C-alpha atoms as a PDB file:
ATOM      1  CA  MET A   1     -36.749  62.286 -39.606  1.00  0.00           C
ATOM      2  CA  PRO A   2     -40.285  63.681 -40.125  1.00  0.00           C
ATOM      3  CA  ILE A   3     -42.979  61.809 -38.183  1.00  0.00           C
ATOM      4  CA  PRO A   4     -46.171  61.135 -40.196  1.00  0.00           C
ATOM      5  CA  GLU A   5     -49.104  62.966 -38.636  1.00  0.00           C
ATOM      6  CA  ALA A   6     -51.413  59.974 -39.171  1.00  0.00           C
ATOM      7  CA  VAL A   7     -49.697  57.957 -36.478  1.00  0.00           C
ATOM      8  CA  ARG A   8     -49.726  60.544 -33.681  1.00  0.00           C
ATOM      9  CA  PRO A   9     -50.005  58.676 -31.372  1.00  0.00           C
ATOM     10  CA  PRO A  10     -50.342  55.004 -32.376  1.00  0.00           C
ATOM     11  CA  ARG A  11     -52.372  52.490 -30.381  1.00  0.00           C
ATOM     12  CA  LEU A  12     -49.761  49.766 -30.834  1.00  0.00           C
ATOM     13  CA  VAL A  13     -45.972  49.951 -30.923  1.00  0.00           C
ATOM     14  CA  ALA A  14     -44.216  46.819 -32.170  1.00  0.00           C
ATOM     15  CA  THR A  15     -40.466  46.523 -32.147  1.00  0.00           C
ATOM     16  CA  ASP A  16     -37.735  44.063 -32.881  1.00  0.00           C
ATOM     17  CA  LEU A  17     -35.076  43.726 -30.186  1.00  0.00           C
ATOM     18  CA  ASP A  18     -31.520  43.004 -31.320  1.00  0.00           C
ATOM     19  CA  GLY A  19     -30.273  45.677 -33.687  1.00  0.00           C
ATOM     20  CA  THR A  20     -33.395  47.751 -32.995  1.00  0.00           C
ATOM     21  CA  LEU A  21     -34.444  48.361 -29.388  1.00  0.00           C
ATOM     22  CA  VAL A  22     -31.294  46.789 -27.947  1.00  0.00           C
ATOM     23  CA  HIS A  23     -27.835  48.351 -28.173  1.00  0.00           C
ATOM     24  CA  SER A  24     -24.980  46.494 -29.844  1.00  0.00           C
ATOM     25  CA  ASP A  25     -23.668  45.532 -26.394  1.00  0.00           C
ATOM     26  CA  ARG A  26     -27.066  43.824 -25.752  1.00  0.00           C
ATOM     27  CA  SER A  27     -28.189  46.438 -23.238  1.00  0.00           C
ATOM     28  CA  ILE A  28     -31.322  48.566 -23.229  1.00  0.00           C
ATOM     29  CA  SER A  29     -30.598  52.146 -22.277  1.00  0.00           C
ATOM     30  CA  PRO A  30     -32.368  53.931 -19.414  1.00  0.00           C
ATOM     31  CA  ARG A  31     -33.720  56.401 -21.996  1.00  0.00           C
ATOM     32  CA  THR A  32     -35.332  53.629 -24.016  1.00  0.00           C
ATOM     33  CA  ARG A  33     -36.775  51.899 -20.944  1.00  0.00           C
ATOM     34  CA  ALA A  34     -38.271  55.194 -19.799  1.00  0.00           C
ATOM     35  CA  ALA A  35     -39.838  55.805 -23.217  1.00  0.00           C
ATOM     36  CA  VAL A  36     -41.360  52.309 -23.382  1.00  0.00           C
ATOM     37  CA  LEU A  37     -42.865  52.594 -19.919  1.00  0.00           C
ATOM     38  CA  ALA A  38     -44.230  56.065 -20.679  1.00  0.00           C
ATOM     39  CA  VAL A  39     -45.851  54.838 -23.889  1.00  0.00           C
ATOM     40  CA  GLN A  40     -47.651  52.100 -21.963  1.00  0.00           C
ATOM     41  CA  GLU A  41     -48.673  54.579 -19.259  1.00  0.00           C
ATOM     42  CA  ALA A  42     -50.213  56.659 -22.062  1.00  0.00           C
ATOM     43  CA  GLY A  43     -52.428  53.707 -22.994  1.00  0.00           C
ATOM     44  CA  ALA A  44     -50.654  52.249 -26.026  1.00  0.00           C
ATOM     45  CA  GLN A  45     -49.866  48.570 -26.386  1.00  0.00           C
ATOM     46  CA  PHE A  46     -46.136  47.850 -26.589  1.00  0.00           C
ATOM     47  CA  VAL A  47     -45.092  44.501 -28.069  1.00  0.00           C
ATOM     48  CA  MET A  48     -41.603  43.076 -28.472  1.00  0.00           C
ATOM     49  CA  VAL A  49     -41.460  40.970 -31.644  1.00  0.00           C
ATOM     50  CA  THR A  50     -38.198  39.098 -31.937  1.00  0.00           C
ATOM     51  CA  ALA A  51     -36.260  36.146 -33.301  1.00  0.00           C
ATOM     52  CA  ARG A  52     -35.090  35.421 -29.746  1.00  0.00           C
ATOM     53  CA  PRO A  53     -36.192  32.179 -28.081  1.00  0.00           C
ATOM     54  CA  PRO A  54     -38.407  32.389 -24.990  1.00  0.00           C
ATOM     55  CA  ARG A  55     -35.555  31.941 -22.506  1.00  0.00           C
ATOM     56  CA  TRP A  56     -33.934  35.173 -23.727  1.00  0.00           C
ATOM     57  CA  MET A  57     -36.990  37.246 -22.750  1.00  0.00           C
ATOM     58  CA  HIS A  58     -37.120  36.803 -18.997  1.00  0.00           C
ATOM     59  CA  ASP A  59     -34.792  39.709 -18.225  1.00  0.00           C
ATOM     60  CA  LEU A  60     -37.199  41.992 -20.111  1.00  0.00           C
ATOM     61  CA  ALA A  61     -40.322  41.121 -18.139  1.00  0.00           C
ATOM     62  CA  ASP A  62     -40.579  44.680 -16.834  1.00  0.00           C
ATOM     63  CA  LEU A  63     -41.267  45.939 -20.376  1.00  0.00           C
ATOM     64  CA  VAL A  64     -44.146  43.661 -21.406  1.00  0.00           C
ATOM     65  CA  GLY A  65     -46.849  45.747 -19.752  1.00  0.00           C
ATOM     66  CA  ALA A  66     -50.271  44.588 -18.613  1.00  0.00           C
ATOM     67  CA  HIS A  67     -50.697  42.056 -21.424  1.00  0.00           C
ATOM     68  CA  GLY A  68     -47.511  40.298 -20.293  1.00  0.00           C
ATOM     69  CA  VAL A  69     -46.612  38.771 -23.651  1.00  0.00           C
ATOM     70  CA  ALA A  70     -43.992  38.944 -26.366  1.00  0.00           C
ATOM     71  CA  ILE A  71     -43.862  37.451 -29.845  1.00  0.00           C
ATOM     72  CA  VAL A  72     -40.738  35.308 -30.091  1.00  0.00           C
ATOM     73  CA  ALA A  73     -38.992  32.852 -32.424  1.00  0.00           C
ATOM     74  CA  ASN A  74     -39.825  34.986 -35.479  1.00  0.00           C
ATOM     75  CA  GLY A  75     -43.541  34.751 -34.804  1.00  0.00           C
ATOM     76  CA  ALA A  76     -43.746  31.041 -34.033  1.00  0.00           C
ATOM     77  CA  ILE A  77     -44.609  31.605 -30.355  1.00  0.00           C
ATOM     78  CA  LEU A  78     -46.837  34.042 -28.505  1.00  0.00           C
ATOM     79  CA  TYR A  79     -45.139  33.877 -25.132  1.00  0.00           C
ATOM     80  CA  ASP A  80     -46.270  34.877 -21.658  1.00  0.00           C
ATOM     81  CA  VAL A  81     -43.031  36.330 -20.321  1.00  0.00           C
ATOM     82  CA  VAL A  82     -44.297  36.688 -16.764  1.00  0.00           C
ATOM     83  CA  GLN A  83     -45.733  33.174 -16.478  1.00  0.00           C
ATOM     84  CA  ARG A  84     -42.939  31.711 -18.639  1.00  0.00           C
ATOM     85  CA  LYS A  85     -45.222  29.682 -20.876  1.00  0.00           C
ATOM     86  CA  ALA A  86     -46.246  29.554 -24.521  1.00  0.00           C
ATOM     87  CA  ILE A  87     -49.778  30.775 -25.189  1.00  0.00           C
ATOM     88  CA  ARG A  88     -49.946  30.011 -28.901  1.00  0.00           C
ATOM     89  CA  THR A  89     -47.540  28.265 -31.252  1.00  0.00           C
ATOM     90  CA  ALA A  90     -47.064  27.658 -34.962  1.00  0.00           C
ATOM     91  CA  LEU A  91     -44.423  24.940 -35.198  1.00  0.00           C
ATOM     92  CA  ILE A  92     -42.699  23.163 -38.082  1.00  0.00           C
ATOM     93  CA  ASP A  93     -43.985  19.693 -38.876  1.00  0.00           C
ATOM     94  CA  PRO A  94     -41.094  17.274 -38.141  1.00  0.00           C
ATOM     95  CA  ARG A  95     -41.465  15.457 -41.466  1.00  0.00           C
ATOM     96  CA  ILE A  96     -41.296  18.647 -43.480  1.00  0.00           C
ATOM     97  CA  ALA A  97     -38.454  20.014 -41.376  1.00  0.00           C
ATOM     98  CA  LEU A  98     -36.335  16.911 -41.931  1.00  0.00           C
ATOM     99  CA  GLU A  99     -37.037  16.925 -45.685  1.00  0.00           C
ATOM    100  CA  VAL A 100     -35.922  20.550 -45.831  1.00  0.00           C
ATOM    101  CA  ALA A 101     -32.811  19.948 -43.730  1.00  0.00           C
ATOM    102  CA  LEU A 102     -31.703  17.020 -45.873  1.00  0.00           C
ATOM    103  CA  ALA A 103     -32.280  18.999 -49.067  1.00  0.00           C
ATOM    104  CA  ILE A 104     -30.185  21.869 -47.725  1.00  0.00           C
ATOM    105  CA  ARG A 105     -27.356  19.578 -46.651  1.00  0.00           C
ATOM    106  CA  ALA A 106     -27.326  17.822 -50.022  1.00  0.00           C
ATOM    107  CA  GLU A 107     -26.833  21.201 -51.718  1.00  0.00           C
ATOM    108  CA  VAL A 108     -24.577  22.804 -49.080  1.00  0.00           C
ATOM    109  CA  PRO A 109     -22.871  19.925 -47.227  1.00  0.00           C
ATOM    110  CA  GLU A 110     -20.892  22.108 -44.844  1.00  0.00           C
ATOM    111  CA  VAL A 111     -23.928  23.564 -43.036  1.00  0.00           C
ATOM    112  CA  GLU A 112     -24.811  22.537 -39.484  1.00  0.00           C
ATOM    113  CA  PHE A 113     -28.214  22.586 -37.807  1.00  0.00           C
ATOM    114  CA  ALA A 114     -29.744  23.604 -34.499  1.00  0.00           C
ATOM    115  CA  ILE A 115     -33.340  23.871 -33.334  1.00  0.00           C
ATOM    116  CA  GLU A 116     -35.450  25.872 -30.936  1.00  0.00           C
ATOM    117  CA  ARG A 117     -38.442  24.101 -29.451  1.00  0.00           C
ATOM    118  CA  THR A 118     -40.881  25.901 -27.205  1.00  0.00           C
ATOM    119  CA  ASP A 119     -39.013  24.718 -24.130  1.00  0.00           C
ATOM    120  CA  ARG A 120     -35.616  23.421 -25.261  1.00  0.00           C
ATOM    121  CA  TYR A 121     -32.643  24.192 -27.480  1.00  0.00           C
ATOM    122  CA  GLY A 122     -30.829  21.489 -29.443  1.00  0.00           C
ATOM    123  CA  GLN A 123     -27.914  21.337 -31.864  1.00  0.00           C
ATOM    124  CA  GLU A 124     -25.737  19.012 -33.854  1.00  0.00           C
ATOM    125  CA  PRO A 125     -22.467  18.342 -31.992  1.00  0.00           C
ATOM    126  CA  ARG A 126     -20.416  20.294 -34.540  1.00  0.00           C
ATOM    127  CA  TYR A 127     -22.736  23.304 -34.690  1.00  0.00           C
ATOM    128  CA  LEU A 128     -20.911  26.524 -33.794  1.00  0.00           C
ATOM    129  CA  ASN A 129     -23.160  28.211 -31.245  1.00  0.00           C
ATOM    130  CA  ARG A 130     -22.086  31.822 -30.712  1.00  0.00           C
ATOM    131  CA  TRP A 131     -23.878  32.033 -27.354  1.00  0.00           C
ATOM    132  CA  PRO A 132     -23.548  29.931 -24.181  1.00  0.00           C
ATOM    133  CA  THR A 133     -25.481  26.684 -24.558  1.00  0.00           C
ATOM    134  CA  PRO A 134     -28.240  26.029 -21.999  1.00  0.00           C
ATOM    135  CA  ASP A 135     -27.578  23.318 -19.426  1.00  0.00           C
ATOM    136  CA  ASP A 136     -30.288  21.082 -20.895  1.00  0.00           C
ATOM    137  CA  THR A 137     -29.119  21.414 -24.509  1.00  0.00           C
ATOM    138  CA  LEU A 138     -29.957  18.412 -26.673  1.00  0.00           C
ATOM    139  CA  PHE A 139     -26.836  17.381 -28.621  1.00  0.00           C
ATOM    140  CA  ALA A 140     -27.919  15.093 -31.463  1.00  0.00           C
ATOM    141  CA  GLU A 141     -27.873  14.566 -35.206  1.00  0.00           C
ATOM    142  CA  VAL A 142     -30.454  16.358 -37.296  1.00  0.00           C
ATOM    143  CA  ASP A 143     -32.894  13.457 -37.550  1.00  0.00           C
ATOM    144  CA  GLU A 144     -33.209  13.318 -33.753  1.00  0.00           C
ATOM    145  CA  LEU A 145     -33.325  17.099 -33.416  1.00  0.00           C
ATOM    146  CA  LEU A 146     -36.285  17.150 -35.780  1.00  0.00           C
ATOM    147  CA  SER A 147     -38.142  14.209 -34.272  1.00  0.00           C
ATOM    148  CA  GLU A 148     -40.507  16.684 -32.578  1.00  0.00           C
ATOM    149  CA  PRO A 149     -42.084  19.932 -33.805  1.00  0.00           C
ATOM    150  CA  ALA A 150     -39.708  22.899 -33.661  1.00  0.00           C
ATOM    151  CA  ALA A 151     -40.295  26.623 -33.527  1.00  0.00           C
ATOM    152  CA  LYS A 152     -37.163  27.285 -35.591  1.00  0.00           C
ATOM    153  CA  LEU A 153     -34.615  25.323 -37.563  1.00  0.00           C
ATOM    154  CA  LEU A 154     -31.285  27.160 -37.509  1.00  0.00           C
ATOM    155  CA  VAL A 155     -28.908  26.700 -40.427  1.00  0.00           C
ATOM    156  CA  ARG A 156     -25.333  27.916 -39.977  1.00  0.00           C
ATOM    157  CA  HIS A 157     -22.550  28.036 -42.533  1.00  0.00           C
ATOM    158  CA  PRO A 158     -18.917  28.323 -41.405  1.00  0.00           C
ATOM    159  CA  SER A 159     -18.111  31.310 -43.610  1.00  0.00           C
ATOM    160  CA  TRP A 160     -20.897  32.549 -45.893  1.00  0.00           C
ATOM    161  CA  HIS A 161     -22.749  35.794 -45.218  1.00  0.00           C
ATOM    162  CA  SER A 162     -26.354  35.279 -44.139  1.00  0.00           C
ATOM    163  CA  ASP A 163     -27.594  36.971 -47.332  1.00  0.00           C
ATOM    164  CA  ASP A 164     -25.661  34.498 -49.492  1.00  0.00           C
ATOM    165  CA  LEU A 165     -26.790  31.512 -47.461  1.00  0.00           C
ATOM    166  CA  LEU A 166     -30.417  32.633 -47.683  1.00  0.00           C
ATOM    167  CA  ALA A 167     -30.090  33.134 -51.435  1.00  0.00           C
ATOM    168  CA  ARG A 168     -28.900  29.537 -51.815  1.00  0.00           C
ATOM    169  CA  ILE A 169     -31.439  28.033 -49.414  1.00  0.00           C
ATOM    170  CA  GLY A 170     -34.512  29.933 -50.571  1.00  0.00           C
ATOM    171  CA  PRO A 171     -35.046  28.080 -53.865  1.00  0.00           C
ATOM    172  CA  LEU A 172     -34.452  24.728 -52.141  1.00  0.00           C
ATOM    173  CA  VAL A 173     -37.139  25.139 -49.507  1.00  0.00           C
ATOM    174  CA  GLY A 174     -39.735  26.916 -51.633  1.00  0.00           C
ATOM    175  CA  THR A 175     -43.033  27.410 -49.835  1.00  0.00           C
ATOM    176  CA  ARG A 176     -42.711  24.340 -47.609  1.00  0.00           C
ATOM    177  CA  VAL A 177     -41.293  26.578 -44.873  1.00  0.00           C
ATOM    178  CA  THR A 178     -40.417  30.230 -44.302  1.00  0.00           C
ATOM    179  CA  ALA A 179     -36.717  31.099 -44.494  1.00  0.00           C
ATOM    180  CA  SER A 180     -35.225  34.417 -43.402  1.00  0.00           C
ATOM    181  CA  HIS A 181     -32.468  35.862 -41.262  1.00  0.00           C
ATOM    182  CA  SER A 182     -32.163  38.363 -38.441  1.00  0.00           C
ATOM    183  CA  GLY A 183     -28.663  39.592 -39.141  1.00  0.00           C
ATOM    184  CA  GLY A 184     -26.931  36.765 -37.324  1.00  0.00           C
ATOM    185  CA  SER A 185     -23.515  35.852 -38.642  1.00  0.00           C
ATOM    186  CA  SER A 186     -23.712  33.136 -41.343  1.00  0.00           C
ATOM    187  CA  LEU A 187     -27.139  32.091 -40.066  1.00  0.00           C
ATOM    188  CA  VAL A 188     -30.519  31.442 -41.672  1.00  0.00           C
ATOM    189  CA  GLU A 189     -33.636  30.793 -39.588  1.00  0.00           C
ATOM    190  CA  ILE A 190     -36.448  28.558 -40.849  1.00  0.00           C
ATOM    191  CA  SER A 191     -40.020  28.596 -39.541  1.00  0.00           C
ATOM    192  CA  ALA A 192     -43.211  26.825 -40.551  1.00  0.00           C
ATOM    193  CA  SER A 193     -44.851  27.950 -43.768  1.00  0.00           C
ATOM    194  CA  GLY A 194     -46.802  31.160 -43.253  1.00  0.00           C
ATOM    195  CA  VAL A 195     -45.115  31.981 -39.958  1.00  0.00           C
ATOM    196  CA  SER A 196     -43.751  35.490 -39.605  1.00  0.00           C
ATOM    197  CA  LYS A 197     -43.551  38.273 -37.096  1.00  0.00           C
ATOM    198  CA  ALA A 198     -46.374  39.964 -38.985  1.00  0.00           C
ATOM    199  CA  ALA A 199     -48.764  37.015 -38.855  1.00  0.00           C
ATOM    200  CA  MET A 200     -48.617  36.597 -35.080  1.00  0.00           C
ATOM    201  CA  LEU A 201     -48.611  40.363 -34.514  1.00  0.00           C
ATOM    202  CA  ALA A 202     -51.724  40.787 -36.648  1.00  0.00           C
ATOM    203  CA  GLU A 203     -53.511  38.124 -34.585  1.00  0.00           C
ATOM    204  CA  PHE A 204     -52.497  39.794 -31.340  1.00  0.00           C
ATOM    205  CA  ALA A 205     -53.556  43.229 -32.588  1.00  0.00           C
ATOM    206  CA  ALA A 206     -56.951  41.961 -33.747  1.00  0.00           C
ATOM    207  CA  GLU A 207     -57.571  40.485 -30.311  1.00  0.00           C
ATOM    208  CA  GLN A 208     -56.932  43.932 -28.861  1.00  0.00           C
ATOM    209  CA  GLY A 209     -59.253  45.600 -31.371  1.00  0.00           C
ATOM    210  CA  ILE A 210     -56.339  47.328 -33.086  1.00  0.00           C
ATOM    211  CA  THR A 211     -55.968  47.642 -36.857  1.00  0.00           C
ATOM    212  CA  ALA A 212     -52.744  47.869 -38.835  1.00  0.00           C
ATOM    213  CA  ASP A 213     -53.210  51.572 -39.561  1.00  0.00           C
ATOM    214  CA  GLN A 214     -53.197  52.195 -35.788  1.00  0.00           C
ATOM    215  CA  ALA A 215     -49.825  50.468 -35.381  1.00  0.00           C
ATOM    216  CA  ILE A 216     -46.201  51.372 -35.931  1.00  0.00           C
ATOM    217  CA  ALA A 217     -43.280  48.964 -36.157  1.00  0.00           C
ATOM    218  CA  PHE A 218     -39.508  49.178 -35.864  1.00  0.00           C
ATOM    219  CA  GLY A 219     -36.970  46.773 -37.363  1.00  0.00           C
ATOM    220  CA  ASP A 220     -33.526  46.322 -38.819  1.00  0.00           C
ATOM    221  CA  SER A 221     -33.286  42.982 -40.644  1.00  0.00           C
ATOM    222  CA  LEU A 222     -34.932  40.776 -43.261  1.00  0.00           C
ATOM    223  CA  ASN A 223     -37.122  38.908 -40.793  1.00  0.00           C
ATOM    224  CA  ASP A 224     -38.678  42.272 -39.891  1.00  0.00           C
ATOM    225  CA  LEU A 225     -39.866  43.038 -43.427  1.00  0.00           C
ATOM    226  CA  PRO A 226     -43.325  41.390 -43.132  1.00  0.00           C
ATOM    227  CA  MET A 227     -43.990  43.197 -39.840  1.00  0.00           C
ATOM    228  CA  LEU A 228     -42.872  46.507 -41.283  1.00  0.00           C
ATOM    229  CA  ALA A 229     -45.099  45.970 -44.316  1.00  0.00           C
ATOM    230  CA  TRP A 230     -48.095  45.172 -42.074  1.00  0.00           C
ATOM    231  CA  ALA A 231     -47.856  48.217 -39.814  1.00  0.00           C
ATOM    232  CA  GLY A 232     -49.483  51.479 -40.756  1.00  0.00           C
ATOM    233  CA  THR A 233     -46.129  53.216 -40.417  1.00  0.00           C
ATOM    234  CA  SER A 234     -42.774  51.450 -40.499  1.00  0.00           C
ATOM    235  CA  TYR A 235     -39.450  52.628 -39.097  1.00  0.00           C
ATOM    236  CA  GLY A 236     -36.151  51.258 -40.289  1.00  0.00           C
ATOM    237  CA  MET A 237     -33.181  51.714 -38.012  1.00  0.00           C
ATOM    238  CA  GLY A 238     -30.241  53.722 -39.320  1.00  0.00           C
ATOM    239  CA  ASN A 239     -28.134  50.569 -38.957  1.00  0.00           C
ATOM    240  CA  ALA A 240     -30.653  48.377 -40.830  1.00  0.00           C
ATOM    241  CA  HIS A 241     -30.189  45.996 -43.743  1.00  0.00           C
ATOM    242  CA  ALA A 242     -30.392  47.749 -47.118  1.00  0.00           C
ATOM    243  CA  ASP A 243     -33.723  46.048 -47.927  1.00  0.00           C
ATOM    244  CA  VAL A 244     -35.245  47.421 -44.723  1.00  0.00           C
ATOM    245  CA  LEU A 245     -34.002  50.935 -45.453  1.00  0.00           C
ATOM    246  CA  ALA A 246     -35.479  50.716 -48.940  1.00  0.00           C
ATOM    247  CA  MET A 247     -39.003  49.823 -47.792  1.00  0.00           C
ATOM    248  CA  ALA A 248     -39.392  51.622 -44.464  1.00  0.00           C
ATOM    249  CA  ASP A 249     -41.639  54.693 -44.355  1.00  0.00           C
ATOM    250  CA  VAL A 250     -39.181  56.460 -42.076  1.00  0.00           C
ATOM    251  CA  VAL A 251     -35.499  55.893 -41.289  1.00  0.00           C
ATOM    252  CA  CYS A 252     -34.739  56.702 -37.657  1.00  0.00           C
ATOM    253  CA  PRO A 253     -31.457  56.890 -35.735  1.00  0.00           C
ATOM    254  CA  THR A 254     -29.543  53.676 -35.078  1.00  0.00           C
ATOM    255  CA  ASN A 255     -30.134  51.265 -32.215  1.00  0.00           C
ATOM    256  CA  ASP A 256     -27.024  52.588 -30.441  1.00  0.00           C
ATOM    257  CA  GLU A 257     -28.426  56.120 -30.786  1.00  0.00           C
ATOM    258  CA  ASP A 258     -31.733  55.107 -29.147  1.00  0.00           C
ATOM    259  CA  GLY A 259     -33.642  55.471 -32.400  1.00  0.00           C
ATOM    260  CA  VAL A 260     -36.814  53.846 -31.051  1.00  0.00           C
ATOM    261  CA  ALA A 261     -36.859  56.142 -28.032  1.00  0.00           C
ATOM    262  CA  THR A 262     -36.277  59.166 -30.270  1.00  0.00           C
ATOM    263  CA  VAL A 263     -39.410  58.371 -32.281  1.00  0.00           C
ATOM    264  CA  LEU A 264     -41.562  57.494 -29.260  1.00  0.00           C
ATOM    265  CA  GLU A 265     -40.597  60.673 -27.443  1.00  0.00           C
ATOM    266  CA  GLU A 266     -41.824  62.723 -30.402  1.00  0.00           C
ATOM    267  CA  LEU A 267     -44.965  60.709 -31.113  1.00  0.00           C
ATOM    268  CA  PHE A 268     -46.118  60.730 -27.488  1.00  0.00           C
ATOM    269  CA  ASN A 269     -44.796  64.181 -26.568  1.00  0.00           C
ATOM    270  CA  LEU A 270     -42.572  62.757 -23.859  1.00  0.00           C
ATOM    271  CA  ALA A 271     -40.525  65.305 -21.953  1.00  0.00           C
END
């Protein structure tokens, strides 16, 4: 795993969470935490860029550094983790979202929908949520779920692989929205048109006076591809989707092998 000399050391480190920084058991190892904190102590900006909703970030507040923010919901929300509030959003227009949802259901009737708003999760009653539902979950049919702007529209199929579901949905939605997936089982995630991890990260970096060639990024799934393409040097995890492995500048050890920490330790000469 040779480290390109041009990025020693970067000014900005951007990383996905699940499948990348986070172990398969959803923990972050002491080694990785130590590396992240050392990188920030060395003066680099560290940014978590994730498909997770805001409520799944609060346990990671110790890693956000002085800027205090994370990019969540696949780039739809710049979120102040410490203050627990959205700073900037790029949400799906309700009219467009409903048109897209109805078109998907007409083509694939067995799908079910859920949504993430900036401050609330909602789902159709039959939607199979693989995580505990929040106490204030909105249970409703899709027209009510999409009566307000959403950060993400979640589309789940009972049995198809996420790649197959995305392949079917992509031509239906066109450029009206952005469709991708983060490796979730039988799940496709839809954001507003033009929304991506890369778009919000580029805005954040520009505000810090940092250019793409001064940044590195880590990822493992299809929703990471725009971010990896934007960064001066991209790292695909050893456990990554085949498309990520094909485009990444460097393939590093897996998430369970602390691949991000391995790279940071070398780039920043951490003991």
